[in-house]
Amino acid sequence: LLSLAVIGLIVAYHGRSGRSPYMTLTLGLLLGGAIGNAIDRLRLGYVIDFVDGGLGSFRWYTFNVADACISASIVLLLLMAVRPSLAGRGRHG
């Protein structure tokens, strides 16, 4: 239920945030990750993590593509917090 609420909030926020390509990309990654994880939870009851990365004996955490999209969107949102002009607000005042 929480995942579905988050998906609804992302869609509503995008509708009110303007049509900046940067914001569309950022919210699209977040939405895609949320939908991917929600599908796993509804279908299986848990999220499947299947990417296990690393170099030699050094291992990184195991994750899925949805988690990578969510993480990338968080980085983009943090960049936008530091540089609001990325979202297109700087040009319109």
PDB file of N, CA and C in Angstrom:
ATOM      1  N   LEU A   1       0.816  -1.195   0.000  1.00  0.00           N
ATOM      2  CA  LEU A   1       0.000   0.000   0.000  1.00  0.00           C
ATOM      3  C   LEU A   1       0.862   1.263   0.000  1.00  0.00           C
ATOM      4  N   LEU A   2       1.948   1.224   0.762  1.00  0.00           N
ATOM      5  CA  LEU A   2       2.834   2.378   0.818  1.00  0.00           C
ATOM      6  C   LEU A   2       3.448   2.658  -0.546  1.00  0.00           C
ATOM      7  N   SER A   3       3.857   1.610  -1.256  1.00  0.00           N
ATOM      8  CA  SER A   3       4.434   1.781  -2.599  1.00  0.00           C
ATOM      9  C   SER A   3       3.436   2.440  -3.539  1.00  0.00           C
ATOM     10  N   LEU A   4       2.191   2.015  -3.476  1.00  0.00           N
ATOM     11  CA  LEU A   4       1.169   2.600  -4.342  1.00  0.00           C
ATOM     12  C   LEU A   4       0.924   4.064  -3.993  1.00  0.00           C
ATOM     13  N   ALA A   5       0.970   4.399  -2.717  1.00  0.00           N
ATOM     14  CA  ALA A   5       0.819   5.793  -2.297  1.00  0.00           C
ATOM     15  C   ALA A   5       1.982   6.634  -2.808  1.00  0.00           C
ATOM     16  N   VAL A   6       3.195   6.108  -2.739  1.00  0.00           N
ATOM     17  CA  VAL A   6       4.368   6.833  -3.225  1.00  0.00           C
ATOM     18  C   VAL A   6       4.262   7.054  -4.731  1.00  0.00           C
ATOM     19  N   ILE A   7       3.813   6.035  -5.466  1.00  0.00           N
ATOM     20  CA  ILE A   7       3.638   6.172  -6.915  1.00  0.00           C
ATOM     21  C   ILE A   7       2.639   7.296  -7.212  1.00  0.00           C
ATOM     22  N   GLY A   8       1.536   7.333  -6.477  1.00  0.00           N
ATOM     23  CA  GLY A   8       0.552   8.398  -6.654  1.00  0.00           C
ATOM     24  C   GLY A   8       1.131   9.769  -6.359  1.00  0.00           C
ATOM     25  N   LEU A   9       1.934   9.877  -5.313  1.00  0.00           N
ATOM     26  CA  LEU A   9       2.560  11.162  -4.967  1.00  0.00           C
ATOM     27  C   LEU A   9       3.541  11.618  -6.035  1.00  0.00           C
ATOM     28  N   ILE A  10       4.312  10.699  -6.592  1.00  0.00           N
ATOM     29  CA  ILE A  10       5.276  11.047  -7.640  1.00  0.00           C
ATOM     30  C   ILE A  10       4.540  11.584  -8.862  1.00  0.00           C
ATOM     31  N   VAL A  11       3.479  10.900  -9.275  1.00  0.00           N
ATOM     32  CA  VAL A  11       2.705  11.336 -10.442  1.00  0.00           C
ATOM     33  C   VAL A  11       2.078  12.706 -10.180  1.00  0.00           C
ATOM     34  N   ALA A  12       1.501  12.902  -9.008  1.00  0.00           N
ATOM     35  CA  ALA A  12       0.881  14.188  -8.669  1.00  0.00           C
ATOM     36  C   ALA A  12       1.922  15.303  -8.628  1.00  0.00           C
ATOM     37  N   TYR A  13       3.082  15.024  -8.048  1.00  0.00           N
ATOM     38  CA  TYR A  13       4.129  16.044  -7.964  1.00  0.00           C
ATOM     39  C   TYR A  13       4.617  16.433  -9.353  1.00  0.00           C
ATOM     40  N   HIS A  14       4.771  15.453 -10.225  1.00  0.00           N
ATOM     41  CA  HIS A  14       5.232  15.767 -11.581  1.00  0.00           C
ATOM     42  C   HIS A  14       4.226  16.659 -12.296  1.00  0.00           C
ATOM     43  N   GLY A  15       2.968  16.421 -12.090  1.00  0.00           N
ATOM     44  CA  GLY A  15       1.946  17.250 -12.717  1.00  0.00           C
ATOM     45  C   GLY A  15       1.990  18.697 -12.256  1.00  0.00           C
ATOM     46  N   ARG A  16       2.462  18.925 -11.037  1.00  0.00           N
ATOM     47  CA  ARG A  16       2.519  20.283 -10.483  1.00  0.00           C
ATOM     48  C   ARG A  16       3.898  20.913 -10.568  1.00  0.00           C
ATOM     49  N   SER A  17       4.912  20.172 -10.991  1.00  0.00           N
ATOM     50  CA  SER A  17       6.286  20.677 -10.928  1.00  0.00           C
ATOM     51  C   SER A  17       6.740  21.392 -12.184  1.00  0.00           C
ATOM     52  N   GLY A  18       5.922  21.470 -13.192  1.00  0.00           N
ATOM     53  CA  GLY A  18       6.364  22.046 -14.455  1.00  0.00           C
ATOM     54  C   GLY A  18       6.891  20.940 -15.344  1.00  0.00           C
ATOM     55  N   ARG A  19       7.310  21.282 -16.516  1.00  0.00           N
ATOM     56  CA  ARG A  19       7.715  20.261 -17.474  1.00  0.00           C
ATOM     57  C   ARG A  19       9.216  20.322 -17.789  1.00  0.00           C
ATOM     58  N   SER A  20      10.002  20.515 -16.779  1.00  0.00           N
ATOM     59  CA  SER A  20      11.449  20.523 -16.958  1.00  0.00           C
ATOM     60  C   SER A  20      11.927  19.125 -17.350  1.00  0.00           C
ATOM     61  N   PRO A  21      12.747  19.007 -18.401  1.00  0.00           N
ATOM     62  CA  PRO A  21      13.277  17.687 -18.772  1.00  0.00           C
ATOM     63  C   PRO A  21      14.076  17.054 -17.629  1.00  0.00           C
ATOM     64  N   TYR A  22      14.803  17.861 -16.875  1.00  0.00           N
ATOM     65  CA  TYR A  22      15.579  17.355 -15.743  1.00  0.00           C
ATOM     66  C   TYR A  22      14.652  16.736 -14.694  1.00  0.00           C
ATOM     67  N   MET A  23      13.570  17.452 -14.368  1.00  0.00           N
ATOM     68  CA  MET A  23      12.633  16.945 -13.366  1.00  0.00           C
ATOM     69  C   MET A  23      11.888  15.727 -13.893  1.00  0.00           C
ATOM     70  N   THR A  24      11.560  15.731 -15.183  1.00  0.00           N
ATOM     71  CA  THR A  24      10.881  14.579 -15.779  1.00  0.00           C
ATOM     72  C   THR A  24      11.765  13.343 -15.702  1.00  0.00           C
ATOM     73  N   LEU A  25      13.043  13.485 -16.024  1.00  0.00           N
ATOM     74  CA  LEU A  25      13.983  12.365 -15.935  1.00  0.00           C
ATOM     75  C   LEU A  25      14.110  11.880 -14.493  1.00  0.00           C
ATOM     76  N   THR A  26      14.289  12.813 -13.579  1.00  0.00           N
ATOM     77  CA  THR A  26      14.472  12.467 -12.169  1.00  0.00           C
ATOM     78  C   THR A  26      13.252  11.742 -11.611  1.00  0.00           C
ATOM     79  N   LEU A  27      12.077  12.306 -11.833  1.00  0.00           N
ATOM     80  CA  LEU A  27      10.859  11.673 -11.321  1.00  0.00           C
ATOM     81  C   LEU A  27      10.533  10.392 -12.081  1.00  0.00           C
ATOM     82  N   GLY A  28      10.930  10.313 -13.358  1.00  0.00           N
ATOM     83  CA  GLY A  28      10.731   9.086 -14.123  1.00  0.00           C
ATOM     84  C   GLY A  28      11.551   7.936 -13.570  1.00  0.00           C
ATOM     85  N   LEU A  29      12.797   8.217 -13.197  1.00  0.00           N
ATOM     86  CA  LEU A  29      13.633   7.184 -12.574  1.00  0.00           C
ATOM     87  C   LEU A  29      13.042   6.743 -11.243  1.00  0.00           C
ATOM     88  N   LEU A  30      12.595   7.714 -10.463  1.00  0.00           N
ATOM     89  CA  LEU A  30      12.000   7.403  -9.161  1.00  0.00           C
ATOM     90  C   LEU A  30      10.714   6.596  -9.338  1.00  0.00           C
ATOM     91  N   LEU A  31       9.891   7.005 -10.282  1.00  0.00           N
ATOM     92  CA  LEU A  31       8.635   6.302 -10.546  1.00  0.00           C
ATOM     93  C   LEU A  31       8.894   4.885 -11.057  1.00  0.00           C
ATOM     94  N   GLY A  32       9.832   4.746 -11.987  1.00  0.00           N
ATOM     95  CA  GLY A  32      10.159   3.418 -12.511  1.00  0.00           C
ATOM     96  C   GLY A  32      10.655   2.483 -11.425  1.00  0.00           C
ATOM     97  N   GLY A  33      11.501   2.984 -10.548  1.00  0.00           N
ATOM     98  CA  GLY A  33      11.998   2.167  -9.441  1.00  0.00           C
ATOM     99  C   GLY A  33      10.894   1.776  -8.485  1.00  0.00           C
ATOM    100  N   ALA A  34      10.016   2.729  -8.180  1.00  0.00           N
ATOM    101  CA  ALA A  34       8.908   2.442  -7.267  1.00  0.00           C
ATOM    102  C   ALA A  34       7.953   1.417  -7.876  1.00  0.00           C
ATOM    103  N   ILE A  35       7.656   1.558  -9.162  1.00  0.00           N
ATOM    104  CA  ILE A  35       6.756   0.610  -9.826  1.00  0.00           C
ATOM    105  C   ILE A  35       7.398  -0.777  -9.887  1.00  0.00           C
ATOM    106  N   GLY A  36       8.692  -0.827 -10.236  1.00  0.00           N
ATOM    107  CA  GLY A  36       9.384  -2.121 -10.297  1.00  0.00           C
ATOM    108  C   GLY A  36       9.367  -2.855  -8.963  1.00  0.00           C
ATOM    109  N   ASN A  37       9.667  -2.153  -7.902  1.00  0.00           N
ATOM    110  CA  ASN A  37       9.653  -2.779  -6.580  1.00  0.00           C
ATOM    111  C   ASN A  37       8.229  -3.144  -6.153  1.00  0.00           C
ATOM    112  N   ALA A  38       7.241  -2.296  -6.506  1.00  0.00           N
ATOM    113  CA  ALA A  38       5.847  -2.592  -6.150  1.00  0.00           C
ATOM    114  C   ALA A  38       5.357  -3.845  -6.872  1.00  0.00           C
ATOM    115  N   ILE A  39       5.741  -4.002  -8.130  1.00  0.00           N
ATOM    116  CA  ILE A  39       5.342  -5.199  -8.879  1.00  0.00           C
ATOM    117  C   ILE A  39       5.898  -6.452  -8.212  1.00  0.00           C
ATOM    118  N   ASP A  40       7.178  -6.404  -7.831  1.00  0.00           N
ATOM    119  CA  ASP A  40       7.764  -7.552  -7.125  1.00  0.00           C
ATOM    120  C   ASP A  40       7.020  -7.849  -5.828  1.00  0.00           C
ATOM    121  N   ARG A  41       6.715  -6.795  -5.063  1.00  0.00           N
ATOM    122  CA  ARG A  41       6.031  -7.000  -3.781  1.00  0.00           C
ATOM    123  C   ARG A  41       4.620  -7.562  -3.971  1.00  0.00           C
ATOM    124  N   LEU A  42       3.901  -7.063  -4.973  1.00  0.00           N
ATOM    125  CA  LEU A  42       2.543  -7.559  -5.216  1.00  0.00           C
ATOM    126  C   LEU A  42       2.560  -8.984  -5.771  1.00  0.00           C
ATOM    127  N   ARG A  43       3.508  -9.266  -6.650  1.00  0.00           N
ATOM    128  CA  ARG A  43       3.559 -10.564  -7.307  1.00  0.00           C
ATOM    129  C   ARG A  43       4.148 -11.648  -6.419  1.00  0.00           C
ATOM    130  N   LEU A  44       5.238 -11.300  -5.692  1.00  0.00           N
ATOM    131  CA  LEU A  44       5.984 -12.299  -4.938  1.00  0.00           C
ATOM    132  C   LEU A  44       5.926 -12.122  -3.425  1.00  0.00           C
ATOM    133  N   GLY A  45       5.604 -10.917  -2.985  1.00  0.00           N
ATOM    134  CA  GLY A  45       5.607 -10.635  -1.555  1.00  0.00           C
ATOM    135  C   GLY A  45       6.934 -10.083  -1.059  1.00  0.00           C
ATOM    136  N   TYR A  46       7.919  -9.986  -1.931  1.00  0.00           N
ATOM    137  CA  TYR A  46       9.235  -9.434  -1.591  1.00  0.00           C
ATOM    138  C   TYR A  46       9.894  -8.947  -2.877  1.00  0.00           C
ATOM    139  N   VAL A  47      10.969  -8.173  -2.726  1.00  0.00           N
ATOM    140  CA  VAL A  47      11.684  -7.622  -3.875  1.00  0.00           C
ATOM    141  C   VAL A  47      12.877  -8.521  -4.199  1.00  0.00           C
ATOM    142  N   ILE A  48      13.020  -8.855  -5.470  1.00  0.00           N
ATOM    143  CA  ILE A  48      14.135  -9.697  -5.910  1.00  0.00           C
ATOM    144  C   ILE A  48      15.355  -8.817  -6.178  1.00  0.00           C
ATOM    145  N   ASP A  49      16.458  -9.101  -5.499  1.00  0.00           N
ATOM    146  CA  ASP A  49      17.743  -8.456  -5.761  1.00  0.00           C
ATOM    147  C   ASP A  49      18.588  -9.438  -6.545  1.00  0.00           C
ATOM    148  N   PHE A  50      19.095  -9.018  -7.701  1.00  0.00           N
ATOM    149  CA  PHE A  50      19.774  -9.982  -8.553  1.00  0.00           C
ATOM    150  C   PHE A  50      21.097  -9.508  -9.131  1.00  0.00           C
ATOM    151  N   VAL A  51      21.474  -8.262  -8.918  1.00  0.00           N
ATOM    152  CA  VAL A  51      22.747  -7.775  -9.439  1.00  0.00           C
ATOM    153  C   VAL A  51      23.761  -7.815  -8.305  1.00  0.00           C
ATOM    154  N   ASP A  52      24.795  -8.605  -8.472  1.00  0.00           N
ATOM    155  CA  ASP A  52      25.849  -8.738  -7.463  1.00  0.00           C
ATOM    156  C   ASP A  52      27.146  -8.273  -8.106  1.00  0.00           C
ATOM    157  N   GLY A  53      27.584  -7.072  -7.738  1.00  0.00           N
ATOM    158  CA  GLY A  53      28.764  -6.493  -8.367  1.00  0.00           C
ATOM    159  C   GLY A  53      29.968  -6.502  -7.458  1.00  0.00           C
ATOM    160  N   GLY A  54      31.126  -6.344  -8.058  1.00  0.00           N
ATOM    161  CA  GLY A  54      32.357  -6.265  -7.296  1.00  0.00           C
ATOM    162  C   GLY A  54      33.566  -6.477  -8.178  1.00  0.00           C
ATOM    163  N   LEU A  55      34.720  -6.309  -7.579  1.00  0.00           N
ATOM    164  CA  LEU A  55      35.995  -6.545  -8.253  1.00  0.00           C
ATOM    165  C   LEU A  55      36.803  -7.528  -7.420  1.00  0.00           C
ATOM    166  N   GLY A  56      37.089  -8.679  -7.988  1.00  0.00           N
ATOM    167  CA  GLY A  56      37.852  -9.679  -7.254  1.00  0.00           C
ATOM    168  C   GLY A  56      37.142 -10.088  -5.983  1.00  0.00           C
ATOM    169  N   SER A  57      37.845  -9.993  -4.862  1.00  0.00           N
ATOM    170  CA  SER A  57      37.240 -10.368  -3.587  1.00  0.00           C
ATOM    171  C   SER A  57      36.447  -9.217  -2.962  1.00  0.00           C
ATOM    172  N   PHE A  58      36.557  -8.010  -3.529  1.00  0.00           N
ATOM    173  CA  PHE A  58      35.796  -6.866  -3.031  1.00  0.00           C
ATOM    174  C   PHE A  58      34.388  -6.938  -3.626  1.00  0.00           C
ATOM    175  N   ARG A  59      33.363  -7.073  -2.787  1.00  0.00           N
ATOM    176  CA  ARG A  59      31.981  -7.189  -3.243  1.00  0.00           C
ATOM    177  C   ARG A  59      31.202  -5.949  -2.857  1.00  0.00           C
ATOM    178  N   TRP A  60      30.358  -5.507  -3.742  1.00  0.00           N
ATOM    179  CA  TRP A  60      29.438  -4.423  -3.483  1.00  0.00           C
ATOM    180  C   TRP A  60      28.119  -5.040  -3.067  1.00  0.00           C
ATOM    181  N   TYR A  61      27.180  -4.260  -2.602  1.00  0.00           N
ATOM    182  CA  TYR A  61      25.913  -4.835  -2.164  1.00  0.00           C
ATOM    183  C   TYR A  61      25.130  -5.379  -3.367  1.00  0.00           C
ATOM    184  N   THR A  62      24.250  -6.301  -3.114  1.00  0.00           N
ATOM    185  CA  THR A  62      23.393  -6.871  -4.142  1.00  0.00           C
ATOM    186  C   THR A  62      22.159  -5.989  -4.286  1.00  0.00           C
ATOM    187  N   PHE A  63      21.774  -5.682  -5.528  1.00  0.00           N
ATOM    188  CA  PHE A  63      20.659  -4.776  -5.763  1.00  0.00           C
ATOM    189  C   PHE A  63      19.930  -5.171  -7.041  1.00  0.00           C
ATOM    190  N   ASN A  64      18.874  -4.452  -7.360  1.00  0.00           N
ATOM    191  CA  ASN A  64      18.169  -4.661  -8.616  1.00  0.00           C
ATOM    192  C   ASN A  64      18.131  -3.353  -9.398  1.00  0.00           C
ATOM    193  N   VAL A  65      17.635  -3.404 -10.607  1.00  0.00           N
ATOM    194  CA  VAL A  65      17.611  -2.215 -11.460  1.00  0.00           C
ATOM    195  C   VAL A  65      16.711  -1.141 -10.850  1.00  0.00           C
ATOM    196  N   ALA A  66      15.607  -1.534 -10.234  1.00  0.00           N
ATOM    197  CA  ALA A  66      14.712  -0.560  -9.605  1.00  0.00           C
ATOM    198  C   ALA A  66      15.440   0.212  -8.497  1.00  0.00           C
ATOM    199  N   ASP A  67      16.224  -0.496  -7.690  1.00  0.00           N
ATOM    200  CA  ASP A  67      17.001   0.182  -6.638  1.00  0.00           C
ATOM    201  C   ASP A  67      18.010   1.152  -7.246  1.00  0.00           C
ATOM    202  N   ALA A  68      18.637   0.765  -8.356  1.00  0.00           N
ATOM    203  CA  ALA A  68      19.603   1.648  -9.016  1.00  0.00           C
ATOM    204  C   ALA A  68      18.906   2.906  -9.540  1.00  0.00           C
ATOM    205  N   CYS A  69      17.703   2.776 -10.082  1.00  0.00           N
ATOM    206  CA  CYS A  69      16.951   3.931 -10.563  1.00  0.00           C
ATOM    207  C   CYS A  69      16.586   4.866  -9.414  1.00  0.00           C
ATOM    208  N   ILE A  70      16.146   4.300  -8.309  1.00  0.00           N
ATOM    209  CA  ILE A  70      15.797   5.106  -7.137  1.00  0.00           C
ATOM    210  C   ILE A  70      17.028   5.845  -6.617  1.00  0.00           C
ATOM    211  N   SER A  71      18.152   5.154  -6.541  1.00  0.00           N
ATOM    212  CA  SER A  71      19.394   5.789  -6.068  1.00  0.00           C
ATOM    213  C   SER A  71      19.829   6.904  -7.005  1.00  0.00           C
ATOM    214  N   ALA A  72      19.749   6.683  -8.309  1.00  0.00           N
ATOM    215  CA  ALA A  72      20.124   7.719  -9.278  1.00  0.00           C
ATOM    216  C   ALA A  72      19.206   8.926  -9.151  1.00  0.00           C
ATOM    217  N   SER A  73      17.916   8.698  -8.938  1.00  0.00           N
ATOM    218  CA  SER A  73      16.991   9.828  -8.802  1.00  0.00           C
ATOM    219  C   SER A  73      17.277  10.629  -7.538  1.00  0.00           C
ATOM    220  N   ILE A  74      17.684   9.961  -6.479  1.00  0.00           N
ATOM    221  CA  ILE A  74      18.026  10.675  -5.248  1.00  0.00           C
ATOM    222  C   ILE A  74      19.243  11.570  -5.468  1.00  0.00           C
ATOM    223  N   VAL A  75      20.233  11.056  -6.182  1.00  0.00           N
ATOM    224  CA  VAL A  75      21.415  11.872  -6.504  1.00  0.00           C
ATOM    225  C   VAL A  75      21.002  13.084  -7.339  1.00  0.00           C
ATOM    226  N   LEU A  76      20.123  12.884  -8.332  1.00  0.00           N
ATOM    227  CA  LEU A  76      19.665  13.996  -9.165  1.00  0.00           C
ATOM    228  C   LEU A  76      18.858  15.004  -8.349  1.00  0.00           C
ATOM    229  N   LEU A  77      18.034  14.538  -7.415  1.00  0.00           N
ATOM    230  CA  LEU A  77      17.291  15.456  -6.549  1.00  0.00           C
ATOM    231  C   LEU A  77      18.230  16.259  -5.645  1.00  0.00           C
ATOM    232  N   LEU A  78      19.271  15.616  -5.138  1.00  0.00           N
ATOM    233  CA  LEU A  78      20.255  16.338  -4.322  1.00  0.00           C
ATOM    234  C   LEU A  78      20.984  17.385  -5.150  1.00  0.00           C
ATOM    235  N   LEU A  79      21.328  17.045  -6.390  1.00  0.00           N
ATOM    236  CA  LEU A  79      21.960  18.027  -7.285  1.00  0.00           C
ATOM    237  C   LEU A  79      21.032  19.218  -7.527  1.00  0.00           C
ATOM    238  N   MET A  80      19.758  18.932  -7.684  1.00  0.00           N
ATOM    239  CA  MET A  80      18.799  20.003  -7.906  1.00  0.00           C
ATOM    240  C   MET A  80      18.644  20.873  -6.662  1.00  0.00           C
ATOM    241  N   ALA A  81      18.777  20.287  -5.487  1.00  0.00           N
ATOM    242  CA  ALA A  81      18.709  21.072  -4.253  1.00  0.00           C
ATOM    243  C   ALA A  81      19.890  22.038  -4.161  1.00  0.00           C
ATOM    244  N   VAL A  82      21.039  21.609  -4.675  1.00  0.00           N
ATOM    245  CA  VAL A  82      22.230  22.453  -4.661  1.00  0.00           C
ATOM    246  C   VAL A  82      22.179  23.480  -5.795  1.00  0.00           C
ATOM    247  N   ARG A  83      21.657  23.071  -6.949  1.00  0.00           N
ATOM    248  CA  ARG A  83      21.566  23.948  -8.130  1.00  0.00           C
ATOM    249  C   ARG A  83      20.141  23.961  -8.651  1.00  0.00           C
ATOM    250  N   PRO A  84      19.261  24.765  -8.061  1.00  0.00           N
ATOM    251  CA  PRO A  84      17.849  24.798  -8.485  1.00  0.00           C
ATOM    252  C   PRO A  84      17.657  25.142  -9.965  1.00  0.00           C
ATOM    253  N   SER A  85      18.630  25.798 -10.574  1.00  0.00           N
ATOM    254  CA  SER A  85      18.496  26.155 -11.985  1.00  0.00           C
ATOM    255  C   SER A  85      18.408  24.922 -12.883  1.00  0.00           C
ATOM    256  N   LEU A  86      18.844  23.763 -12.392  1.00  0.00           N
ATOM    257  CA  LEU A  86      18.745  22.531 -13.173  1.00  0.00           C
ATOM    258  C   LEU A  86      17.296  22.182 -13.476  1.00  0.00           C
ATOM    259  N   ALA A  87      16.397  22.528 -12.582  1.00  0.00           N
ATOM    260  CA  ALA A  87      14.991  22.203 -12.753  1.00  0.00           C
ATOM    261  C   ALA A  87      14.277  23.206 -13.649  1.00  0.00           C
ATOM    262  N   GLY A  88      15.002  24.227 -14.094  1.00  0.00           N
ATOM    263  CA  GLY A  88      14.407  25.213 -14.976  1.00  0.00           C
ATOM    264  C   GLY A  88      13.775  26.386 -14.252  1.00  0.00           C
ATOM    265  N   ARG A  89      13.769  26.344 -12.920  1.00  0.00           N
ATOM    266  CA  ARG A  89      13.163  27.448 -12.156  1.00  0.00           C
ATOM    267  C   ARG A  89      14.002  28.717 -12.252  1.00  0.00           C
ATOM    268  N   GLY A  90      15.315  28.569 -12.413  1.00  0.00           N
ATOM    269  CA  GLY A  90      16.213  29.735 -12.437  1.00  0.00           C
ATOM    270  C   GLY A  90      15.951  30.642 -13.622  1.00  0.00           C
ATOM    271  N   ARG A  91      15.433  30.101 -14.741  1.00  0.00           N
ATOM    272  CA  ARG A  91      15.206  30.907 -15.940  1.00  0.00           C
ATOM    273  C   ARG A  91      13.921  31.713 -15.847  1.00  0.00           C
ATOM    274  N   HIS A  92      12.972  31.254 -15.061  1.00  0.00           N
ATOM    275  CA  HIS A  92      11.673  31.910 -15.015  1.00  0.00           C
ATOM    276  C   HIS A  92      11.469  32.710 -13.734  1.00  0.00           C
ATOM    277  N   GLY A  93      12.476  32.761 -12.873  1.00  0.00           N
ATOM    278  CA  GLY A  93      12.389  33.553 -11.660  1.00  0.00           C
ATOM    279  C   GLY A  93      11.734  32.893 -10.597  1.00  0.00           C
TER     280      GLY A  93
END
